Amino acid sequence: MAEVLLQEIGRPPGPEMENSNDRESYSLAAGLALGLVLFGRGGEAAGFTDLNIAGELYHYIEGGHKKPLLGVHKDKYKSPSYQIKEGDCVNIDVTAPGATLALGMIYFRSNNKAIAEWMVAPSTPYLLDQVRPDFLLLRTIALGLIMWDNVLPTSKWIESHVPSTVLTHVHRGGSQSTPGIDYESMHQILWKYTRMFTSFTKRSVAELAGKSTIETCLNVILLSLSMVMAGTGDLDVLRIIRYLRSRVGPSNSTVGYGSHLTIHMALGFLFLGGGRFSLSTSNMAIAALLIACFPKFPTHSNDNRYHLQALRHLYVLAAEPRLLIPVDVDTGRLCQVHVSVRFKDTDQYRSQTFEAMAPLMLPELSKLSQVVIEEDSANHRYWPVWFSAHNKTWSVLETLLRSGEGLAVKLKDGRYPYGDAPSGFQVQLAHLLTQDKSARWTMKR
């Protein structure tokens, strides 16, 4: 299967009419299929040495003389195409996108520096001019897939992908001192870059870089921001989506069908599942999001030349329910409870916890070790509930989230729910001691 898909990436235009239409989309589909078949298996040398998959994909990325056809293609494409004349060299405008993403998917999280070096942007202005901007974007994505463990939500990491000859002329929008590795810092950094590229559309720099290139960058950053904040319904992100959606008319000639498609995809991610779902980071989810959010957007509703639009729906494979909804077992109504979440130890952080009020969107369960409802025994108003990844209670939590049912909690005797009373006590003495309702009379002489 891998050998067939590898050959289909570089399938030449044959004499048949259908082989000449949407060749870019066909090559990309073959590359994505090859990446799915061998996803994350680049480090397994056994079984792939004879195919030289990495070398063949690099040949499709950089170009060069075509290699002799093998197998069924040898007899099928004896006659040249009557419509397309490509010569003896590989047409990288057709083969490079699929080969680039296939290489990134195959070597996903392998941290293979030799393969990653192929994806680094050229360091000189002359070599940069030889690479299309959208190809540079795909190479950066593939580099992030290969060096997955080195990805950090910091402005320094983002700007490390920009060549030094270009970085000196670039306006830096992200904060250089953003600390920590969490979703909040990712949201802040992406938000700053979104504002930066939004301002570029009104300045002369857009004319120099190309308005379509600036628009593509803005769309990709907006999609990234909405995926980080998926299911939260964040108001700041919603405002920028509404602003970008309002750009219509002759003064915004670069804002077409592709931009509006991206904006509405971002809106869908932001309110994913009505606020009940978020996005997973499993291998299947990452591959599905990569295919669904391919950063080459159509120009009209029937445009499938560079990417099959039906593949945009594959994001559903990455959606998973993570909304924790507490329900009072006596009244059957939604209520608020304190939740303490503990993360598993990793190389980047250890003994990390955070507290919040439920209902809330839990982080990905595979990264958590414990979820506790009302952990503080001195001040809690509900009876505590413990979920631990080390026993059977974890499967109960997974079932609750998957079914969408509320988590039943029991209010303690003599306590008020949160919001009904500041102190939480239900006895009349507590009201008398904590609230001054006495009436004072003043007599004037």
Protein backbone atom coordinates (compact mmCIF):
# COMPACT_ATOMS: atom_id res chain seq x y z
CA MET A 1 0.00 0.00 0.00
CA ALA A 2 2.77 2.44 0.92
CA GLU A 3 4.59 1.76 -2.35
CA VAL A 4 1.47 2.40 -4.42
CA LEU A 5 0.66 5.65 -2.62
CA LEU A 6 4.26 6.82 -2.97
CA GLN A 7 4.06 6.39 -6.74
CA GLU A 8 0.66 8.10 -6.92
CA ILE A 9 2.11 11.31 -5.45
CA GLY A 10 4.21 11.74 -8.57
CA ARG A 11 1.74 10.28 -11.05
CA PRO A 12 2.45 11.85 -14.45
CA PRO A 13 -0.32 13.34 -16.60
CA GLY A 14 -1.42 10.56 -18.90
CA PRO A 15 -3.24 10.72 -22.21
CA GLU A 16 -6.61 10.34 -20.48
CA MET A 17 -8.58 13.50 -19.82
CA GLU A 18 -9.21 12.77 -16.13
CA ASN A 19 -5.50 12.50 -15.35
CA SER A 20 -5.05 16.17 -16.23
CA ASN A 21 -7.73 17.63 -13.94
CA ASP A 22 -7.11 18.57 -10.29
CA ARG A 23 -3.68 16.92 -10.27
CA GLU A 24 -2.60 18.96 -7.25
CA SER A 25 -5.54 17.70 -5.19
CA TYR A 26 -4.90 14.11 -6.28
CA SER A 27 -1.21 14.28 -5.34
CA LEU A 28 -2.06 15.86 -1.98
CA ALA A 29 -4.65 13.15 -1.25
CA ALA A 30 -2.07 10.46 -2.04
CA GLY A 31 0.48 12.13 0.25
CA LEU A 32 -2.01 12.45 3.10
CA ALA A 33 -3.05 8.82 2.65
CA LEU A 34 0.60 7.73 2.79
CA GLY A 35 1.04 9.79 5.96
CA LEU A 36 -2.00 8.14 7.56
CA VAL A 37 -0.81 4.63 6.68
CA LEU A 38 2.64 5.22 8.19
CA PHE A 39 1.73 7.86 10.79
CA GLY A 40 4.48 8.11 13.41
CA ARG A 41 6.35 5.08 12.08
CA GLY A 42 9.34 6.89 10.60
CA GLY A 43 11.63 5.55 13.29
CA GLU A 44 10.85 1.94 12.38
CA ALA A 45 13.49 1.13 9.81
CA ALA A 46 12.44 -2.49 9.32
CA GLY A 47 10.19 -2.97 6.32
CA PHE A 48 10.76 0.47 4.74
CA THR A 49 14.45 0.43 3.87
CA ASP A 50 13.93 -0.99 0.40
CA LEU A 51 11.34 1.68 -0.47
CA ASN A 52 13.53 4.64 0.58
CA ILE A 53 10.38 6.58 1.41
CA ALA A 54 12.16 9.59 2.91
CA GLY A 55 14.44 9.95 -0.11
CA GLU A 56 11.58 9.67 -2.60
CA LEU A 57 9.50 12.26 -0.74
CA TYR A 58 12.46 14.64 -0.58
CA HIS A 59 12.84 14.21 -4.35
CA TYR A 60 9.19 15.27 -4.76
CA ILE A 61 9.79 18.31 -2.52
CA GLU A 62 13.03 19.64 -4.03
CA GLY A 63 12.53 18.46 -7.60
CA GLY A 64 15.00 17.09 -10.10
CA HIS A 65 14.93 14.71 -13.03
CA LYS A 66 12.09 12.23 -13.09
CA LYS A 67 12.93 8.66 -12.19
CA PRO A 68 11.87 5.74 -14.41
CA LEU A 69 8.34 4.52 -13.78
CA LEU A 70 7.90 1.11 -12.18
CA GLY A 71 5.09 -1.41 -11.87
CA VAL A 72 1.72 -0.68 -13.43
CA HIS A 73 2.70 2.92 -14.23
CA LYS A 74 5.40 1.75 -16.65
CA ASP A 75 2.90 0.51 -19.23
CA LYS A 76 0.05 2.86 -18.36
CA TYR A 77 1.94 6.07 -19.06
CA LYS A 78 3.92 5.11 -22.14
CA SER A 79 2.09 7.76 -24.14
CA PRO A 80 2.66 11.36 -23.02
CA SER A 81 -0.11 13.74 -22.11
CA TYR A 82 -1.75 15.55 -25.00
CA GLN A 83 -2.64 18.56 -22.81
CA ILE A 84 0.24 19.05 -20.34
CA LYS A 85 3.93 19.20 -21.20
CA GLU A 86 6.14 19.02 -18.11
CA GLY A 87 9.48 17.91 -19.49
CA ASP A 88 11.91 15.61 -17.72
CA CYS A 89 11.81 17.27 -14.28
CA VAL A 90 9.45 16.72 -11.36
CA ASN A 91 6.71 19.34 -11.16
CA ILE A 92 7.08 20.34 -7.50
CA ASP A 93 4.06 22.65 -7.77
CA VAL A 94 2.04 19.43 -7.92
CA THR A 95 4.02 17.03 -5.74
CA ALA A 96 5.55 19.22 -2.99
CA PRO A 97 2.47 19.79 -0.74
CA GLY A 98 1.56 16.12 -0.43
CA ALA A 99 5.17 14.99 -0.04
CA THR A 100 5.90 17.63 2.63
CA LEU A 101 2.95 16.70 4.82
CA ALA A 102 3.52 12.98 4.26
CA LEU A 103 7.09 13.34 5.50
CA GLY A 104 5.92 15.25 8.57
CA MET A 105 3.22 12.68 9.37
CA ILE A 106 5.50 9.67 8.90
CA TYR A 107 8.19 11.12 11.17
CA PHE A 108 5.70 12.55 13.66
CA ARG A 109 7.27 13.03 17.09
CA SER A 110 10.41 11.19 16.01
CA ASN A 111 12.61 14.25 16.76
CA ASN A 112 14.76 13.20 13.80
CA LYS A 113 17.04 16.20 13.28
CA ALA A 114 18.31 14.96 9.91
CA ILE A 115 14.79 14.91 8.44
CA ALA A 116 13.89 18.14 10.24
CA GLU A 117 16.77 19.96 8.55
CA TRP A 118 15.04 19.42 5.21
CA MET A 119 12.10 21.50 6.46
CA VAL A 120 14.03 24.51 7.75
CA ALA A 121 13.40 27.70 5.79
CA PRO A 122 16.27 28.90 3.55
CA SER A 123 18.59 31.37 5.25
CA THR A 124 19.37 33.70 2.33
CA PRO A 125 17.04 36.05 0.43
CA TYR A 126 17.98 34.45 -2.90
CA LEU A 127 17.01 30.95 -1.77
CA LEU A 128 13.84 32.29 -0.15
CA ASP A 129 12.75 33.68 -3.50
CA GLN A 130 12.92 30.17 -4.97
CA VAL A 131 10.27 28.79 -2.58
CA ARG A 132 6.60 29.65 -2.71
CA PRO A 133 5.19 31.19 0.52
CA ASP A 134 2.59 28.43 0.93
CA PHE A 135 5.35 25.81 0.60
CA LEU A 136 7.28 27.54 3.39
CA LEU A 137 4.17 27.34 5.55
CA LEU A 138 3.80 23.61 4.87
CA ARG A 139 7.47 23.00 5.65
CA THR A 140 7.08 24.80 8.98
CA ILE A 141 4.06 22.64 9.81
CA ALA A 142 6.00 19.48 8.91
CA LEU A 143 8.94 20.68 11.02
CA GLY A 144 6.62 21.08 14.00
CA LEU A 145 5.23 17.58 13.48
CA ILE A 146 8.70 16.03 13.36
CA MET A 147 10.08 17.99 16.33
CA TRP A 148 6.81 17.75 18.28
CA ASP A 149 8.45 17.55 21.70
CA ASN A 150 10.33 20.81 21.08
CA VAL A 151 7.23 22.89 20.31
CA LEU A 152 6.78 25.63 22.92
CA PRO A 153 4.04 28.30 23.17
CA THR A 154 6.46 31.22 23.20
CA SER A 155 7.20 34.07 20.83
CA LYS A 156 10.85 33.04 20.81
CA TRP A 157 9.99 29.60 19.41
CA ILE A 158 7.72 31.11 16.76
CA GLU A 159 10.34 33.59 15.60
CA SER A 160 13.02 30.89 15.55
CA HIS A 161 11.45 29.69 12.27
CA VAL A 162 11.98 33.07 10.61
CA PRO A 163 15.37 33.45 8.85
CA SER A 164 17.66 35.98 10.50
CA THR A 165 17.87 38.02 7.29
CA VAL A 166 14.11 38.52 7.41
CA LEU A 167 13.63 38.79 11.16
CA THR A 168 15.45 42.12 11.33
CA HIS A 169 12.77 43.67 9.10
CA VAL A 170 9.78 42.05 10.80
CA HIS A 171 7.53 43.76 13.32
CA ARG A 172 7.51 41.54 16.42
CA GLY A 173 4.00 41.20 17.76
CA GLY A 174 4.38 38.55 20.45
CA SER A 175 5.65 39.14 23.96
CA GLN A 176 9.24 38.06 24.45
CA SER A 177 8.75 37.25 28.12
CA THR A 178 5.57 35.17 28.07
CA PRO A 179 6.19 32.58 30.81
CA GLY A 180 4.88 29.08 31.30
CA ILE A 181 3.60 26.35 29.07
CA ASP A 182 -0.17 26.42 29.22
CA TYR A 183 -3.23 27.17 27.15
CA GLU A 184 -3.49 30.70 28.53
CA SER A 185 -0.08 31.72 27.19
CA MET A 186 -0.83 30.08 23.84
CA HIS A 187 -4.05 32.08 23.65
CA GLN A 188 -2.27 35.32 24.50
CA ILE A 189 0.51 34.83 21.94
CA LEU A 190 -1.83 33.85 19.11
CA TRP A 191 -4.11 36.75 20.01
CA LYS A 192 -1.21 39.22 19.66
CA TYR A 193 -0.19 37.82 16.29
CA THR A 194 -3.81 37.97 15.12
CA ARG A 195 -3.98 41.65 16.02
CA MET A 196 -0.63 42.23 14.33
CA PHE A 197 -1.70 40.71 10.99
CA THR A 198 -5.05 42.47 11.19
CA SER A 199 -3.21 45.78 11.33
CA PHE A 200 -1.03 44.72 8.39
CA THR A 201 -4.06 44.64 6.09
CA LYS A 202 -4.38 48.42 6.51
CA ARG A 203 -0.72 49.30 5.95
CA SER A 204 1.65 49.49 3.02
CA VAL A 205 3.48 46.37 4.25
CA ALA A 206 0.58 44.35 2.84
CA GLU A 207 1.41 45.70 -0.61
CA LEU A 208 5.05 44.64 -0.26
CA ALA A 209 4.43 41.11 1.03
CA GLY A 210 1.29 40.58 -1.04
CA LYS A 211 -2.22 40.99 0.28
CA SER A 212 -3.13 37.38 -0.48
CA THR A 213 -0.12 36.15 1.54
CA ILE A 214 -1.08 38.37 4.50
CA GLU A 215 -4.67 37.13 4.25
CA THR A 216 -3.53 33.49 4.27
CA CYS A 217 -1.36 34.09 7.35
CA LEU A 218 -4.25 35.81 9.11
CA ASN A 219 -6.59 32.91 8.31
CA VAL A 220 -4.11 30.32 9.59
CA ILE A 221 -3.52 32.23 12.85
CA LEU A 222 -7.27 32.64 13.36
CA LEU A 223 -7.78 28.89 12.88
CA SER A 224 -4.97 28.18 15.34
CA LEU A 225 -6.44 30.56 17.90
CA SER A 226 -9.89 28.99 17.60
CA MET A 227 -8.45 25.48 18.01
CA VAL A 228 -6.66 26.49 21.21
CA MET A 229 -9.90 28.01 22.55
CA ALA A 230 -12.15 25.28 21.09
CA GLY A 231 -15.45 24.90 22.92
CA THR A 232 -14.88 27.87 25.23
CA GLY A 233 -16.87 30.53 23.35
CA ASP A 234 -14.23 33.13 24.23
CA LEU A 235 -15.63 36.64 23.68
CA ASP A 236 -12.35 38.20 22.52
CA VAL A 237 -11.96 35.58 19.79
CA LEU A 238 -15.62 36.00 18.85
CA ARG A 239 -15.12 39.74 18.42
CA ILE A 240 -12.18 39.32 16.05
CA ILE A 241 -14.17 36.72 14.08
CA ARG A 242 -17.09 39.13 13.73
CA TYR A 243 -14.73 41.89 12.60
CA LEU A 244 -13.06 39.72 9.96
CA ARG A 245 -16.44 38.47 8.77
CA SER A 246 -17.61 42.04 8.16
CA ARG A 247 -14.90 42.68 5.54
CA VAL A 248 -16.88 42.74 2.32
CA GLY A 249 -16.96 45.00 -0.69
CA PRO A 250 -14.52 46.20 -3.36
CA SER A 251 -12.08 47.58 -0.77
CA ASN A 252 -11.38 44.00 0.41
CA SER A 253 -10.66 42.27 -2.88
CA THR A 254 -8.48 39.57 -1.26
CA VAL A 255 -11.29 38.49 1.08
CA GLY A 256 -13.06 35.79 -0.86
CA TYR A 257 -14.79 32.48 -0.37
CA GLY A 258 -11.72 30.89 1.22
CA SER A 259 -11.46 33.59 3.88
CA HIS A 260 -15.11 33.27 4.83
CA LEU A 261 -14.77 29.47 4.92
CA THR A 262 -11.87 29.83 7.36
CA ILE A 263 -13.70 32.37 9.50
CA HIS A 264 -16.76 30.14 9.85
CA MET A 265 -14.59 27.11 10.60
CA ALA A 266 -12.99 29.15 13.40
CA LEU A 267 -16.45 30.10 14.66
CA GLY A 268 -17.44 26.43 14.66
CA PHE A 269 -14.33 25.44 16.62
CA LEU A 270 -14.97 28.21 19.15
CA PHE A 271 -18.46 26.88 19.94
CA LEU A 272 -17.71 23.23 19.21
CA GLY A 273 -20.63 21.01 20.19
CA GLY A 274 -22.47 23.93 21.75
CA GLY A 275 -19.63 24.42 24.22
CA ARG A 276 -19.55 20.76 25.29
CA PHE A 277 -16.72 19.51 23.07
CA SER A 278 -13.05 20.33 22.65
CA LEU A 279 -10.20 18.98 20.51
CA SER A 280 -8.05 15.97 21.33
CA THR A 281 -4.30 15.64 20.73
CA SER A 282 -4.20 11.92 19.98
CA ASN A 283 -2.47 10.73 16.82
CA MET A 284 -5.77 10.28 15.01
CA ALA A 285 -6.97 13.72 16.10
CA ILE A 286 -3.77 15.45 14.98
CA ALA A 287 -3.90 13.78 11.57
CA ALA A 288 -7.59 14.66 11.15
CA LEU A 289 -7.03 18.32 12.08
CA LEU A 290 -4.04 18.56 9.76
CA ILE A 291 -6.15 17.33 6.84
CA ALA A 292 -9.23 19.40 7.74
CA CYS A 293 -7.29 22.65 8.28
CA PHE A 294 -4.96 22.35 5.29
CA PRO A 295 -3.75 25.95 4.77
CA LYS A 296 -4.67 26.26 1.11
CA PHE A 297 -8.12 27.72 0.87
CA PRO A 298 -10.49 27.56 -2.12
CA THR A 299 -11.48 30.51 -4.27
CA HIS A 300 -15.08 29.40 -4.85
CA SER A 301 -17.50 26.72 -3.65
CA ASN A 302 -16.58 24.23 -6.41
CA ASP A 303 -12.82 24.72 -6.18
CA ASN A 304 -11.17 21.36 -5.45
CA ARG A 305 -7.97 21.94 -7.36
CA TYR A 306 -5.55 22.11 -4.43
CA HIS A 307 -7.56 20.44 -1.66
CA LEU A 308 -10.72 18.37 -1.67
CA GLN A 309 -13.24 20.45 0.28
CA ALA A 310 -15.00 17.37 1.65
CA LEU A 311 -11.90 16.68 3.75
CA ARG A 312 -12.68 19.81 5.81
CA HIS A 313 -15.27 17.75 7.70
CA LEU A 314 -12.68 15.38 9.18
CA TYR A 315 -12.28 17.67 12.20
CA VAL A 316 -15.12 15.68 13.83
CA LEU A 317 -12.64 12.83 14.39
CA ALA A 318 -10.72 15.12 16.75
CA ALA A 319 -13.72 16.33 18.78
CA GLU A 320 -14.28 14.85 22.23
CA PRO A 321 -16.68 15.79 25.07
CA ARG A 322 -14.93 17.36 28.06
CA LEU A 323 -17.54 19.57 29.73
CA LEU A 324 -18.02 18.72 33.42
CA ILE A 325 -21.55 19.65 34.56
CA PRO A 326 -22.41 19.24 38.27
CA VAL A 327 -26.08 18.61 39.12
CA ASP A 328 -27.63 18.83 42.57
CA VAL A 329 -28.90 15.35 43.39
CA ASP A 330 -31.84 16.70 45.44
CA THR A 331 -33.18 19.41 43.14
CA GLY A 332 -31.93 18.11 39.78
CA ARG A 333 -30.71 21.61 38.89
CA LEU A 334 -27.29 22.69 37.68
CA CYS A 335 -25.02 24.01 40.39
CA GLN A 336 -21.51 25.33 40.93
CA VAL A 337 -18.78 23.38 42.72
CA HIS A 338 -15.06 23.81 43.31
CA VAL A 339 -12.90 21.54 41.14
CA SER A 340 -9.22 20.78 41.69
CA VAL A 341 -7.32 19.31 38.71
CA ARG A 342 -3.87 17.71 38.96
CA PHE A 343 -1.70 17.12 35.87
CA LYS A 344 0.61 14.21 35.22
CA ASP A 345 4.32 14.94 35.54
CA THR A 346 6.14 15.61 32.26
CA ASP A 347 9.56 16.86 31.20
CA GLN A 348 8.23 20.43 30.99
CA TYR A 349 6.36 20.63 34.32
CA ARG A 350 5.84 18.69 37.55
CA SER A 351 3.24 18.78 40.36
CA GLN A 352 1.02 21.20 38.46
CA THR A 353 -2.54 21.81 39.68
CA PHE A 354 -5.23 24.40 39.17
CA GLU A 355 -8.59 25.14 40.74
CA ALA A 356 -11.73 26.45 39.10
CA MET A 357 -15.49 26.52 39.42
CA ALA A 358 -17.53 23.95 37.52
CA PRO A 359 -19.22 23.78 35.05
CA LEU A 360 -15.90 23.94 33.21
CA MET A 361 -14.09 22.46 30.23
CA LEU A 362 -11.60 19.92 31.56
CA PRO A 363 -8.16 19.57 29.97
CA GLU A 364 -7.46 16.41 28.01
CA LEU A 365 -7.94 13.44 30.34
CA SER A 366 -4.81 11.69 29.09
CA LYS A 367 -2.77 14.52 30.63
CA LEU A 368 -4.51 14.44 34.03
CA SER A 369 -3.88 12.25 37.05
CA GLN A 370 -6.65 13.42 39.39
CA VAL A 371 -9.90 15.42 39.41
CA VAL A 372 -11.39 16.28 42.81
CA ILE A 373 -14.75 17.91 43.51
CA GLU A 374 -14.75 20.07 46.68
CA GLU A 375 -11.29 19.05 47.91
CA ASP A 376 -11.09 21.65 50.71
CA SER A 377 -12.88 19.87 53.57
CA ALA A 378 -12.98 22.98 55.77
CA ASN A 379 -14.87 25.27 53.40
CA HIS A 380 -16.64 23.06 50.92
CA ARG A 381 -20.42 23.04 50.72
CA TYR A 382 -20.85 19.75 48.86
CA TRP A 383 -19.63 16.29 49.73
CA PRO A 384 -16.29 15.60 47.98
CA VAL A 385 -15.98 13.35 44.91
CA TRP A 386 -12.62 11.92 43.81
CA PHE A 387 -11.60 10.71 40.35
CA SER A 388 -8.14 9.18 40.00
CA ALA A 389 -6.38 7.83 36.92
CA HIS A 390 -4.97 5.02 39.09
CA ASN A 391 -8.29 3.29 39.84
CA LYS A 392 -11.68 2.49 38.33
CA THR A 393 -13.18 5.90 39.09
CA TRP A 394 -11.44 7.30 35.99
CA SER A 395 -13.61 5.20 33.68
CA VAL A 396 -16.68 6.59 35.48
CA LEU A 397 -15.53 10.14 34.68
CA GLU A 398 -14.92 9.21 31.04
CA THR A 399 -18.42 7.72 30.80
CA LEU A 400 -19.98 10.85 32.34
CA LEU A 401 -18.26 13.13 29.86
CA ARG A 402 -19.03 10.89 26.90
CA SER A 403 -22.73 10.56 27.74
CA GLY A 404 -23.21 14.27 28.46
CA GLU A 405 -24.94 13.54 31.76
CA GLY A 406 -24.35 15.70 34.80
CA LEU A 407 -22.21 14.72 37.77
CA ALA A 408 -24.51 14.22 40.78
CA VAL A 409 -23.31 16.12 43.87
CA LYS A 410 -24.87 16.25 47.33
CA LEU A 411 -25.27 19.50 49.28
CA LYS A 412 -24.25 19.25 52.93
CA ASP A 413 -26.83 19.81 55.64
CA GLY A 414 -27.05 23.40 56.78
CA ARG A 415 -25.31 24.75 53.67
CA TYR A 416 -26.43 27.01 50.85
CA PRO A 417 -25.32 26.50 47.21
CA TYR A 418 -22.67 28.86 45.87
CA GLY A 419 -24.18 32.19 44.91
CA ASP A 420 -27.13 31.95 47.29
CA ALA A 421 -25.20 32.88 50.44
CA PRO A 422 -21.68 34.31 50.81
CA SER A 423 -20.81 32.16 53.80
CA GLY A 424 -22.75 29.10 52.75
CA PHE A 425 -24.51 28.56 56.09
CA GLN A 426 -28.25 27.99 56.06
CA VAL A 427 -29.10 28.61 59.73
CA GLN A 428 -30.73 31.86 60.83
CA LEU A 429 -27.97 32.52 63.37
CA ALA A 430 -25.44 32.81 60.54
CA HIS A 431 -27.56 35.51 58.92
CA LEU A 432 -27.79 37.44 62.17
CA LEU A 433 -24.05 37.25 62.78
CA THR A 434 -22.90 38.07 59.25
CA GLN A 435 -25.49 40.61 58.11
CA ASP A 436 -26.50 43.83 59.81
CA LYS A 437 -30.25 44.23 59.30
CA SER A 438 -30.94 46.32 62.41
CA ALA A 439 -32.86 49.58 62.09
CA ARG A 440 -31.38 52.62 63.81
CA TRP A 441 -33.44 55.56 65.08
CA THR A 442 -32.04 59.00 65.55
CA MET A 443 -33.85 61.50 67.76
CA LYS A 444 -33.36 65.17 67.09
CA ARG A 445 -33.64 67.65 69.89
